[in-house]
Structures are given as C-alpha cells and as structure tokens.
N, C-alpha and C. Protein backbone atom coordinates (compact mmCIF):
# COMPACT_ATOMS: atom_id res chain seq x y z
N MET A 1 -23.94 81.26 68.69
CA MET A 1 -23.07 80.26 69.27
C MET A 1 -22.05 79.83 68.22
N SER A 2 -20.81 80.07 68.47
CA SER A 2 -19.75 79.65 67.57
C SER A 2 -19.15 78.35 68.10
N SER A 3 -18.78 77.47 67.20
CA SER A 3 -18.17 76.20 67.58
C SER A 3 -16.85 76.04 66.85
N SER A 4 -16.00 75.20 67.42
CA SER A 4 -14.74 74.90 66.76
C SER A 4 -14.36 73.47 67.03
N LEU A 5 -13.54 72.94 66.15
CA LEU A 5 -13.00 71.61 66.38
C LEU A 5 -11.58 71.58 65.85
N VAL A 6 -10.77 70.76 66.49
CA VAL A 6 -9.39 70.53 66.08
C VAL A 6 -9.15 69.04 66.13
N GLU A 7 -8.73 68.47 65.03
CA GLU A 7 -8.46 67.04 64.95
C GLU A 7 -7.16 66.82 64.19
N THR A 8 -6.42 65.79 64.56
CA THR A 8 -5.18 65.45 63.85
C THR A 8 -5.16 63.96 63.55
N ILE A 9 -4.37 63.61 62.54
CA ILE A 9 -4.18 62.21 62.21
C ILE A 9 -2.78 62.04 61.62
N ASP A 10 -2.13 60.94 61.97
CA ASP A 10 -0.84 60.59 61.39
C ASP A 10 -1.09 59.66 60.21
N VAL A 11 -0.41 59.95 59.11
CA VAL A 11 -0.64 59.25 57.85
C VAL A 11 0.68 58.65 57.36
N LYS A 12 0.64 57.38 56.96
CA LYS A 12 1.84 56.74 56.42
C LYS A 12 1.99 57.11 54.95
N ALA A 13 2.26 58.40 54.75
CA ALA A 13 2.50 58.95 53.42
C ALA A 13 3.29 60.23 53.61
N PRO A 14 4.20 60.51 52.70
CA PRO A 14 4.98 61.75 52.83
C PRO A 14 4.11 62.99 52.70
N VAL A 15 4.59 64.10 53.23
CA VAL A 15 3.86 65.36 53.15
C VAL A 15 3.51 65.71 51.71
N ALA A 16 4.40 65.42 50.77
CA ALA A 16 4.13 65.75 49.36
C ALA A 16 2.83 65.11 48.89
N ILE A 17 2.55 63.89 49.33
CA ILE A 17 1.33 63.20 48.91
C ILE A 17 0.11 63.73 49.66
N THR A 18 0.22 63.89 50.98
CA THR A 18 -0.94 64.40 51.73
C THR A 18 -1.29 65.80 51.24
N TRP A 19 -0.28 66.62 51.00
CA TRP A 19 -0.52 67.97 50.48
C TRP A 19 -1.19 67.90 49.11
N ALA A 20 -0.65 67.10 48.21
CA ALA A 20 -1.19 67.02 46.85
C ALA A 20 -2.66 66.62 46.85
N LEU A 21 -3.03 65.65 47.69
CA LEU A 21 -4.42 65.22 47.75
C LEU A 21 -5.32 66.31 48.30
N TRP A 22 -4.91 66.93 49.41
CA TRP A 22 -5.78 67.92 50.05
C TRP A 22 -5.84 69.21 49.24
N SER A 23 -4.77 69.57 48.57
CA SER A 23 -4.77 70.83 47.83
C SER A 23 -5.53 70.73 46.51
N ASP A 24 -5.93 69.54 46.11
CA ASP A 24 -6.71 69.34 44.89
C ASP A 24 -8.19 69.22 45.28
N VAL A 25 -8.93 70.32 45.11
CA VAL A 25 -10.32 70.35 45.57
C VAL A 25 -11.19 69.28 44.92
N THR A 26 -10.81 68.81 43.74
CA THR A 26 -11.62 67.77 43.10
C THR A 26 -11.55 66.46 43.88
N GLN A 27 -10.55 66.30 44.76
CA GLN A 27 -10.42 65.09 45.56
C GLN A 27 -11.29 65.11 46.82
N TRP A 28 -11.72 66.28 47.26
CA TRP A 28 -12.42 66.40 48.55
C TRP A 28 -13.63 65.48 48.70
N PRO A 29 -14.50 65.35 47.69
CA PRO A 29 -15.63 64.44 47.88
C PRO A 29 -15.22 62.99 48.09
N ARG A 30 -13.98 62.64 47.76
CA ARG A 30 -13.50 61.26 47.98
C ARG A 30 -13.26 60.96 49.44
N PHE A 31 -12.99 61.99 50.26
CA PHE A 31 -12.68 61.72 51.67
C PHE A 31 -13.48 62.57 52.65
N LEU A 32 -14.18 63.58 52.19
CA LEU A 32 -15.04 64.37 53.08
C LEU A 32 -16.48 63.91 52.85
N SER A 33 -17.00 63.12 53.78
CA SER A 33 -18.26 62.40 53.58
C SER A 33 -19.44 63.31 53.30
N HIS A 34 -19.45 64.50 53.82
CA HIS A 34 -20.59 65.40 53.66
C HIS A 34 -20.46 66.30 52.43
N VAL A 35 -19.30 66.28 51.77
CA VAL A 35 -19.08 67.13 50.60
C VAL A 35 -19.55 66.39 49.35
N GLN A 36 -20.54 66.95 48.68
CA GLN A 36 -21.04 66.35 47.45
C GLN A 36 -20.24 66.84 46.25
N ARG A 37 -19.95 68.16 46.23
CA ARG A 37 -19.22 68.76 45.11
C ARG A 37 -18.43 69.95 45.61
N VAL A 38 -17.31 70.20 44.96
CA VAL A 38 -16.56 71.44 45.13
C VAL A 38 -16.16 71.88 43.73
N ASP A 39 -16.68 73.03 43.32
CA ASP A 39 -16.41 73.53 41.97
C ASP A 39 -15.59 74.81 42.04
N PRO A 40 -14.43 74.83 41.41
CA PRO A 40 -13.65 76.07 41.38
C PRO A 40 -14.40 77.17 40.64
N ILE A 41 -14.41 78.36 41.22
CA ILE A 41 -14.98 79.54 40.57
C ILE A 41 -13.85 80.31 39.89
N ASP A 42 -12.76 80.47 40.62
CA ASP A 42 -11.54 81.07 40.10
C ASP A 42 -10.38 80.49 40.90
N GLU A 43 -9.21 81.11 40.86
CA GLU A 43 -8.04 80.55 41.55
C GLU A 43 -8.20 80.44 43.06
N ARG A 44 -9.00 81.32 43.66
CA ARG A 44 -9.09 81.38 45.12
C ARG A 44 -10.46 81.04 45.68
N ARG A 45 -11.49 80.97 44.86
CA ARG A 45 -12.85 80.74 45.38
C ARG A 45 -13.44 79.44 44.82
N PHE A 46 -14.22 78.78 45.69
CA PHE A 46 -14.80 77.49 45.36
C PHE A 46 -16.24 77.43 45.84
N ALA A 47 -17.13 76.88 45.02
CA ALA A 47 -18.52 76.66 45.42
C ALA A 47 -18.62 75.25 45.99
N TRP A 48 -19.11 75.16 47.24
CA TRP A 48 -19.26 73.89 47.93
C TRP A 48 -20.72 73.49 47.94
N GLN A 49 -20.97 72.21 47.81
CA GLN A 49 -22.29 71.64 48.00
C GLN A 49 -22.16 70.53 49.03
N LEU A 50 -22.82 70.72 50.19
CA LEU A 50 -22.74 69.75 51.28
C LEU A 50 -24.08 69.07 51.46
N SER A 51 -24.03 67.84 51.90
CA SER A 51 -25.22 67.11 52.31
C SER A 51 -25.00 66.69 53.76
N LEU A 52 -25.70 67.38 54.66
CA LEU A 52 -25.55 67.13 56.10
C LEU A 52 -26.83 66.54 56.65
N PRO A 53 -26.75 65.84 57.79
CA PRO A 53 -27.99 65.32 58.40
C PRO A 53 -28.97 66.48 58.65
N GLY A 54 -30.13 66.39 58.05
CA GLY A 54 -31.15 67.39 58.27
C GLY A 54 -31.08 68.62 57.38
N ALA A 55 -30.04 68.76 56.57
CA ALA A 55 -29.95 69.96 55.73
C ALA A 55 -28.88 69.81 54.66
N ASP A 56 -29.16 70.38 53.51
CA ASP A 56 -28.14 70.54 52.48
C ASP A 56 -27.66 71.98 52.53
N LYS A 57 -26.39 72.19 52.30
CA LYS A 57 -25.81 73.54 52.39
C LYS A 57 -25.03 73.83 51.11
N ASN A 58 -25.13 75.06 50.67
CA ASN A 58 -24.32 75.55 49.57
C ASN A 58 -23.66 76.83 50.03
N PHE A 59 -22.38 76.96 49.75
CA PHE A 59 -21.68 78.19 50.10
C PHE A 59 -20.46 78.36 49.23
N VAL A 60 -19.91 79.56 49.27
CA VAL A 60 -18.68 79.86 48.54
C VAL A 60 -17.60 80.14 49.57
N ALA A 61 -16.47 79.46 49.41
CA ALA A 61 -15.32 79.67 50.30
C ALA A 61 -14.16 80.21 49.48
N GLU A 62 -13.34 80.97 50.17
CA GLU A 62 -12.18 81.58 49.54
C GLU A 62 -10.91 81.14 50.27
N LEU A 63 -9.89 80.77 49.52
CA LEU A 63 -8.61 80.46 50.13
C LEU A 63 -8.00 81.75 50.67
N THR A 64 -7.61 81.74 51.94
CA THR A 64 -7.01 82.93 52.55
C THR A 64 -5.50 82.79 52.69
N GLU A 65 -5.02 81.55 52.67
CA GLU A 65 -3.58 81.32 52.77
C GLU A 65 -3.25 79.95 52.20
N VAL A 66 -2.25 79.90 51.35
CA VAL A 66 -1.77 78.63 50.80
C VAL A 66 -0.25 78.67 50.86
N VAL A 67 0.32 77.78 51.67
CA VAL A 67 1.77 77.63 51.76
C VAL A 67 2.06 76.18 51.38
N THR A 68 2.66 75.99 50.23
CA THR A 68 2.88 74.65 49.67
C THR A 68 3.50 73.70 50.68
N GLU A 69 2.86 72.53 50.78
CA GLU A 69 3.27 71.44 51.68
C GLU A 69 3.32 71.86 53.14
N ASN A 70 2.56 72.92 53.50
CA ASN A 70 2.55 73.39 54.88
C ASN A 70 1.14 73.66 55.38
N ARG A 71 0.37 74.51 54.68
CA ARG A 71 -0.97 74.86 55.19
C ARG A 71 -1.88 75.39 54.10
N ILE A 72 -3.16 75.16 54.31
CA ILE A 72 -4.22 75.71 53.47
C ILE A 72 -5.27 76.27 54.42
N ALA A 73 -5.59 77.55 54.27
CA ALA A 73 -6.62 78.18 55.11
C ALA A 73 -7.71 78.74 54.20
N TRP A 74 -8.94 78.76 54.72
CA TRP A 74 -10.08 79.26 53.95
C TRP A 74 -11.10 79.88 54.87
N LYS A 75 -12.01 80.63 54.27
CA LYS A 75 -13.18 81.17 54.98
C LYS A 75 -14.30 81.31 53.97
N THR A 76 -15.52 81.28 54.45
CA THR A 76 -16.64 81.45 53.54
C THR A 76 -16.82 82.93 53.23
N VAL A 77 -17.29 83.19 52.02
CA VAL A 77 -17.58 84.56 51.61
C VAL A 77 -19.05 84.71 51.23
N GLU A 78 -19.76 83.59 51.08
CA GLU A 78 -21.20 83.57 50.82
C GLU A 78 -21.78 82.34 51.51
N GLY A 79 -22.97 82.50 52.08
CA GLY A 79 -23.62 81.37 52.73
C GLY A 79 -23.26 81.27 54.19
N VAL A 80 -23.14 80.05 54.70
CA VAL A 80 -22.89 79.80 56.11
C VAL A 80 -21.53 80.37 56.54
N HIS A 81 -21.41 80.68 57.85
CA HIS A 81 -20.11 81.12 58.38
C HIS A 81 -19.29 79.88 58.70
N HIS A 82 -18.10 79.84 58.12
CA HIS A 82 -17.23 78.67 58.25
C HIS A 82 -15.82 79.13 57.90
N ALA A 83 -14.86 78.75 58.69
CA ALA A 83 -13.45 79.03 58.38
C ALA A 83 -12.62 77.86 58.88
N GLY A 84 -11.50 77.64 58.22
CA GLY A 84 -10.67 76.52 58.66
C GLY A 84 -9.26 76.60 58.13
N VAL A 85 -8.46 75.71 58.66
CA VAL A 85 -7.08 75.57 58.21
C VAL A 85 -6.70 74.10 58.36
N VAL A 86 -5.96 73.60 57.39
CA VAL A 86 -5.39 72.26 57.49
C VAL A 86 -3.88 72.44 57.34
N THR A 87 -3.14 71.81 58.25
CA THR A 87 -1.69 71.93 58.21
C THR A 87 -1.07 70.54 58.04
N PHE A 88 0.11 70.54 57.44
CA PHE A 88 0.81 69.31 57.11
C PHE A 88 2.17 69.34 57.78
N HIS A 89 2.47 68.29 58.55
CA HIS A 89 3.71 68.25 59.33
C HIS A 89 4.49 66.99 58.97
N ARG A 90 5.78 67.14 58.69
CA ARG A 90 6.63 66.00 58.35
C ARG A 90 7.06 65.31 59.64
N ILE A 91 6.67 64.07 59.80
CA ILE A 91 7.12 63.25 60.93
C ILE A 91 8.46 62.62 60.56
N ASP A 92 8.50 61.98 59.40
CA ASP A 92 9.74 61.46 58.82
C ASP A 92 9.51 61.37 57.31
N ALA A 93 10.42 60.75 56.59
CA ALA A 93 10.34 60.74 55.13
C ALA A 93 9.05 60.09 54.60
N SER A 94 8.47 59.18 55.37
CA SER A 94 7.30 58.46 54.87
C SER A 94 6.04 58.66 55.72
N THR A 95 6.08 59.57 56.68
CA THR A 95 4.93 59.78 57.56
C THR A 95 4.69 61.28 57.74
N SER A 96 3.42 61.65 57.71
CA SER A 96 3.07 63.05 57.95
C SER A 96 1.90 63.12 58.93
N ARG A 97 1.79 64.26 59.58
CA ARG A 97 0.66 64.54 60.47
C ARG A 97 -0.18 65.62 59.79
N VAL A 98 -1.47 65.36 59.72
CA VAL A 98 -2.40 66.32 59.14
C VAL A 98 -3.29 66.82 60.28
N ALA A 99 -3.34 68.13 60.45
CA ALA A 99 -4.15 68.74 61.50
C ALA A 99 -5.22 69.61 60.85
N LEU A 100 -6.44 69.45 61.32
CA LEU A 100 -7.59 70.18 60.79
C LEU A 100 -8.21 71.01 61.90
N GLN A 101 -8.40 72.28 61.64
CA GLN A 101 -9.07 73.17 62.60
C GLN A 101 -10.18 73.90 61.86
N ILE A 102 -11.39 73.86 62.42
CA ILE A 102 -12.55 74.49 61.79
C ILE A 102 -13.30 75.32 62.83
N GLU A 103 -13.69 76.51 62.42
CA GLU A 103 -14.55 77.40 63.21
C GLU A 103 -15.83 77.58 62.40
N TYR A 104 -16.99 77.46 63.06
CA TYR A 104 -18.25 77.59 62.33
C TYR A 104 -19.36 78.02 63.28
N ASP A 105 -20.46 78.49 62.69
CA ASP A 105 -21.65 78.85 63.44
C ASP A 105 -22.74 77.84 63.12
N PRO A 106 -23.05 76.94 64.06
CA PRO A 106 -24.11 75.97 63.81
C PRO A 106 -25.45 76.68 63.60
N GLN A 107 -26.17 76.27 62.57
CA GLN A 107 -27.48 76.85 62.27
C GLN A 107 -28.54 75.76 62.42
N GLY A 108 -29.60 76.07 63.08
CA GLY A 108 -30.69 75.12 63.22
C GLY A 108 -30.45 74.10 64.32
N PHE A 109 -31.49 73.38 64.66
CA PHE A 109 -31.47 72.44 65.77
C PHE A 109 -30.45 71.32 65.57
N ILE A 110 -30.46 70.68 64.38
CA ILE A 110 -29.59 69.53 64.13
C ILE A 110 -28.12 69.92 64.26
N GLU A 111 -27.73 71.05 63.68
CA GLU A 111 -26.33 71.47 63.75
C GLU A 111 -25.94 71.83 65.18
N ARG A 112 -26.83 72.45 65.92
CA ARG A 112 -26.52 72.80 67.31
C ARG A 112 -26.35 71.55 68.17
N VAL A 113 -27.21 70.56 67.95
CA VAL A 113 -27.07 69.30 68.68
C VAL A 113 -25.75 68.63 68.31
N GLY A 114 -25.39 68.65 67.02
CA GLY A 114 -24.12 68.07 66.58
C GLY A 114 -22.94 68.73 67.27
N ALA A 115 -22.99 70.05 67.42
CA ALA A 115 -21.90 70.77 68.08
C ALA A 115 -21.86 70.45 69.57
N LEU A 116 -23.02 70.39 70.21
CA LEU A 116 -23.08 70.14 71.65
C LEU A 116 -22.69 68.72 72.03
N THR A 117 -22.98 67.76 71.17
CA THR A 117 -22.73 66.35 71.49
C THR A 117 -21.41 65.83 70.92
N ASN A 118 -20.63 66.71 70.32
CA ASN A 118 -19.36 66.33 69.68
C ASN A 118 -19.53 65.43 68.46
N LEU A 119 -20.73 65.37 67.91
CA LEU A 119 -20.94 64.62 66.68
C LEU A 119 -20.07 65.21 65.56
N ASP A 120 -19.90 66.52 65.57
CA ASP A 120 -19.06 67.17 64.57
C ASP A 120 -17.64 66.63 64.63
N SER A 121 -17.12 66.43 65.83
CA SER A 121 -15.78 65.88 66.02
C SER A 121 -15.71 64.45 65.51
N VAL A 122 -16.74 63.67 65.77
CA VAL A 122 -16.80 62.28 65.29
C VAL A 122 -16.76 62.26 63.77
N LEU A 123 -17.55 63.14 63.13
CA LEU A 123 -17.57 63.20 61.66
C LEU A 123 -16.22 63.64 61.12
N ALA A 124 -15.58 64.62 61.77
CA ALA A 124 -14.26 65.08 61.33
C ALA A 124 -13.24 63.95 61.44
N ASN A 125 -13.30 63.18 62.53
CA ASN A 125 -12.39 62.04 62.69
C ASN A 125 -12.63 60.99 61.62
N TYR A 126 -13.90 60.74 61.30
CA TYR A 126 -14.22 59.79 60.24
C TYR A 126 -13.62 60.26 58.91
N ASP A 127 -13.83 61.53 58.59
CA ASP A 127 -13.32 62.07 57.33
C ASP A 127 -11.79 62.03 57.28
N LEU A 128 -11.14 62.34 58.39
CA LEU A 128 -9.68 62.24 58.42
C LEU A 128 -9.23 60.79 58.23
N GLY A 129 -9.99 59.86 58.77
CA GLY A 129 -9.69 58.43 58.55
C GLY A 129 -9.82 58.05 57.08
N GLU A 130 -10.83 58.59 56.41
CA GLU A 130 -11.00 58.34 54.98
C GLU A 130 -9.85 58.96 54.20
N PHE A 131 -9.45 60.17 54.60
CA PHE A 131 -8.30 60.82 53.97
C PHE A 131 -7.04 59.98 54.16
N GLN A 132 -6.84 59.46 55.38
CA GLN A 132 -5.68 58.63 55.68
C GLN A 132 -5.64 57.42 54.75
N LYS A 133 -6.78 56.74 54.59
CA LYS A 133 -6.84 55.56 53.71
C LYS A 133 -6.45 55.93 52.28
N LEU A 134 -7.01 57.03 51.77
CA LEU A 134 -6.73 57.46 50.41
C LEU A 134 -5.25 57.83 50.24
N ALA A 135 -4.71 58.58 51.19
CA ALA A 135 -3.31 59.01 51.10
C ALA A 135 -2.36 57.81 51.19
N GLU A 136 -2.65 56.87 52.08
CA GLU A 136 -1.78 55.70 52.22
C GLU A 136 -1.86 54.80 51.00
N LEU A 137 -3.04 54.67 50.43
CA LEU A 137 -3.20 53.89 49.19
C LEU A 137 -2.44 54.58 48.05
N THR A 138 -2.52 55.90 48.00
CA THR A 138 -1.81 56.67 46.98
C THR A 138 -0.29 56.49 47.15
N ALA A 139 0.19 56.55 48.39
CA ALA A 139 1.62 56.37 48.64
C ALA A 139 2.07 54.97 48.25
N GLU A 140 1.26 53.96 48.55
CA GLU A 140 1.60 52.57 48.22
C GLU A 140 1.66 52.36 46.72
N SER A 141 0.83 53.09 45.97
CA SER A 141 0.77 52.89 44.53
C SER A 141 1.76 53.79 43.78
N GLY A 142 2.65 54.41 44.54
CA GLY A 142 3.69 55.21 43.89
C GLY A 142 3.34 56.66 43.69
N GLY A 143 2.28 57.13 44.37
CA GLY A 143 1.97 58.55 44.33
C GLY A 143 1.01 58.98 43.26
N THR A 144 0.36 58.05 42.58
CA THR A 144 -0.62 58.47 41.58
C THR A 144 -1.92 58.83 42.30
N ARG A 145 -2.63 59.79 41.77
CA ARG A 145 -3.83 60.29 42.44
C ARG A 145 -5.05 59.41 42.24
N ASP A 146 -5.01 58.51 41.28
CA ASP A 146 -6.19 57.69 40.99
C ASP A 146 -6.14 56.36 41.72
N ALA A 147 -5.55 56.35 42.89
CA ALA A 147 -5.40 55.12 43.66
C ALA A 147 -6.74 54.52 44.01
C-alpha cells in the first residue's frame, strides 16, 4: 500500500529565506517534529533519524533534484521507501508559498493507521506550521538563521 500527501502553506517571508531554511538540512529538526537528526554523508546523501509514534526509523535519502529557490526533491536509497519534493513559489516580494509532496510505503500497523486516518496529513500540516513560524521569525530578524 503506497500513500501520498500534498500540503501547502503561505509564509510571510521571501522565497530566499524559505529556500535557505529548507535547503539547510541542519535546520530540519527545528521544524520537522519527527526528525531527530539529519547528517550529511556527502553532497547528495543524508542519514535521517526519525522518531515516530510506535517506531524509530533510520534511512539514507539522496537529493534527486535541486533548483535554487525553486525545488528540492529526494528519495530514499537505504531503509524505508520514501520520496518527496518541496517547492517554493513567490507570491510577492515578502510572501512565499511552500508546497510539500511525499510518497511513502507505510510499514506496520501504526503507520498504516496513520495513512488511513489522515494523521500523516495532520503531522505534515503541523510541521509546515512550525516551518512557517521559523521562516517568519527569520524574516522579521533580518534573515539570520539563528532566529
């Protein structure tokens, strides 16, 4: 059973800031609630450590496409099956839309229930909300990453 989700959020921050935050993997644990660590292996591959309800997951993902201030796509190369893309859209000079699309194969009872009940979508919306807060705080503070 394969599942997918697509979520978007409008952020009161320019694309340059939303892109900078999302393209820096060291920032991910700040806004992705289930991500404990992301460690770069090389320029294109990253080791992820997730803490999910009922299970911890470790996998390696590889960037498949990076277009500056436009999109970042990835897929797993070790561990769970997971692929995704995040795109950045300029609404105006100070607002951007961030769209997240993820394809994955739920493993085990808890993950299947999460997919069937849209809990995955709720978690994605929560994480996008956390990203929005971080990006808007960063924009308010003049674009520094340590907001």
